Amino acid sequence: MRPRPGSLCPQINYDGREVPYQAIPAFISYNTVGRYIHELLDKAPSVTHSLQLVLDDERRLERDILVASLGHDGPLAMRNFRDNVEVLRQTVMPAIAELERRTRAVATELLIFEKQRASSTMSVDA
């Protein structure tokens, strides 16, 4: 078993015939965590960028709502829009930043763990 080189969160490659069956669920969980960390860190910047585009276009979007033929629903649409933008600004953007920060911290811990494990044990090639 050995980690895949060059990855932020190394994956454990193993041959199920050569490791104790009790260890396989732990390897699967470890690899799943690594995959989720990679996906989250890969997608967080594009999500943040997309949300920032909405926030940057707030005035134009308000104007679009005002000129739309919404009739009596216009004030409610504007209120909903402003409430949603406020949620994006005050809740979603900070939550994504915090999630990314914590995910990077976990990834760093896993790398440290992997380096310590690799230096203290012998790897068996699968």
Protein backbone atom coordinates (compact mmCIF):
# COMPACT_ATOMS: atom_id res chain seq x y z
CA MET A 1 0.00 0.00 0.00
CA ARG A 2 1.26 3.48 -0.80
CA PRO A 3 -0.16 6.97 -1.29
CA ARG A 4 -0.56 8.30 -4.80
CA PRO A 5 2.25 10.84 -5.22
CA GLY A 6 1.60 14.50 -5.91
CA SER A 7 -1.90 14.70 -4.54
CA LEU A 8 -3.04 17.18 -1.90
CA CYS A 9 -4.63 14.36 0.06
CA PRO A 10 -2.81 11.15 -0.77
CA GLN A 11 -4.96 8.16 -1.63
CA ILE A 12 -4.04 4.78 -0.22
CA ASN A 13 -3.67 2.20 -2.96
CA TYR A 14 -3.95 -1.34 -1.66
CA ASP A 15 -4.53 -4.89 -2.75
CA GLY A 16 -7.43 -6.33 -0.78
CA ARG A 17 -5.75 -9.73 -0.86
CA GLU A 18 -2.67 -8.40 0.91
CA VAL A 19 -4.14 -6.33 3.73
CA PRO A 20 -6.29 -7.43 6.66
CA TYR A 21 -9.98 -7.22 5.77
CA GLN A 22 -10.59 -5.17 8.93
CA ALA A 23 -8.40 -2.37 7.52
CA ILE A 24 -10.23 -2.03 4.21
CA PRO A 25 -13.14 0.13 5.56
CA ALA A 26 -10.59 2.53 7.08
CA PHE A 27 -8.74 2.77 3.75
CA ILE A 28 -12.01 3.39 1.94
CA SER A 29 -12.96 6.13 4.43
CA TYR A 30 -9.52 7.73 4.20
CA ASN A 31 -9.67 7.75 0.40
CA THR A 32 -13.22 9.12 0.42
CA VAL A 33 -12.21 11.99 2.69
CA GLY A 34 -9.31 12.76 0.38
CA ARG A 35 -11.58 12.77 -2.67
CA TYR A 36 -14.08 15.09 -0.96
CA ILE A 37 -11.31 17.45 0.14
CA HIS A 38 -9.95 17.58 -3.39
CA GLU A 39 -13.41 18.23 -4.88
CA LEU A 40 -14.27 20.93 -2.35
CA LEU A 41 -10.99 22.77 -2.77
CA ASP A 42 -11.30 22.45 -6.53
CA LYS A 43 -14.84 23.87 -6.67
CA ALA A 44 -14.84 26.49 -3.90
CA PRO A 45 -13.08 29.20 -5.92
CA SER A 46 -15.52 28.94 -8.85
CA VAL A 47 -18.52 29.02 -6.50
CA THR A 48 -17.10 32.06 -4.74
CA HIS A 49 -16.43 33.72 -8.10
CA SER A 50 -19.99 33.03 -9.31
CA LEU A 51 -21.49 34.47 -6.14
CA GLN A 52 -19.24 37.50 -6.39
CA LEU A 53 -20.52 38.11 -9.94
CA VAL A 54 -24.08 38.21 -8.59
CA LEU A 55 -23.06 40.61 -5.85
CA ASP A 56 -21.16 42.78 -8.34
CA ASP A 57 -24.24 42.92 -10.59
CA GLU A 58 -26.61 43.76 -7.74
CA ARG A 59 -27.52 47.24 -9.07
CA ARG A 60 -28.13 45.98 -12.61
CA LEU A 61 -30.27 43.13 -11.31
CA GLU A 62 -32.30 45.55 -9.18
CA ARG A 63 -32.85 47.71 -12.26
CA ASP A 64 -33.96 44.62 -14.23
CA ILE A 65 -36.52 43.83 -11.54
CA LEU A 66 -37.78 47.42 -11.54
CA VAL A 67 -38.29 47.54 -15.32
CA ALA A 68 -39.87 44.09 -15.52
CA SER A 69 -43.64 44.04 -15.84
CA LEU A 70 -44.33 42.48 -12.47
CA GLY A 71 -47.32 44.58 -11.52
CA HIS A 72 -48.30 44.18 -7.88
CA ASP A 73 -45.58 41.56 -7.41
CA GLY A 74 -42.81 44.08 -8.11
CA PRO A 75 -42.27 45.29 -4.53
CA LEU A 76 -42.29 41.72 -3.21
CA ALA A 77 -39.84 40.62 -5.92
CA MET A 78 -37.51 43.49 -5.03
CA ARG A 79 -37.72 42.70 -1.30
CA ASN A 80 -37.01 39.00 -1.98
CA PHE A 81 -34.08 39.90 -4.20
CA ARG A 82 -32.56 42.23 -1.60
CA ASP A 83 -33.09 39.64 1.15
CA ASN A 84 -31.40 36.96 -0.98
CA VAL A 85 -28.45 39.21 -1.80
CA GLU A 86 -28.05 39.99 1.88
CA VAL A 87 -28.02 36.26 2.70
CA LEU A 88 -25.36 35.74 0.03
CA ARG A 89 -23.26 38.58 1.37
CA GLN A 90 -23.65 37.95 5.12
CA THR A 91 -24.00 34.17 5.30
CA VAL A 92 -23.08 32.21 2.19
CA MET A 93 -19.83 33.95 1.23
CA PRO A 94 -18.37 33.75 4.76
CA ALA A 95 -19.54 30.14 5.09
CA ILE A 96 -17.79 29.13 1.88
CA ALA A 97 -14.60 30.89 2.97
CA GLU A 98 -14.74 29.15 6.36
CA LEU A 99 -15.43 25.77 4.76
CA GLU A 100 -12.48 26.23 2.43
CA ARG A 101 -10.24 27.31 5.34
CA ARG A 102 -11.21 24.31 7.46
CA THR A 103 -10.87 21.93 4.54
CA ARG A 104 -7.36 23.19 3.86
CA ALA A 105 -6.54 22.65 7.55
CA VAL A 106 -7.77 19.05 7.38
CA ALA A 107 -5.81 18.48 4.16
CA THR A 108 -2.68 19.79 5.87
CA GLU A 109 -3.26 17.49 8.85
CA LEU A 110 -3.68 14.51 6.53
CA LEU A 111 -0.44 15.36 4.73
CA ILE A 112 1.40 15.64 8.04
CA PHE A 113 -0.10 12.33 9.15
CA GLU A 114 0.92 10.69 5.88
CA LYS A 115 4.48 12.01 6.14
CA GLN A 116 4.77 10.79 9.73
CA ARG A 117 3.28 7.42 8.84
CA ALA A 118 5.55 7.04 5.84
CA SER A 119 8.65 7.86 7.88
CA SER A 120 7.74 5.45 10.68
CA THR A 121 6.51 2.44 8.69
CA MET A 122 7.57 0.55 5.63
CA SER A 123 5.22 0.72 2.67
CA VAL A 124 4.33 -2.44 0.83
CA ASP A 125 3.87 -2.02 -2.91
CA ALA A 126 0.46 -3.28 -3.99
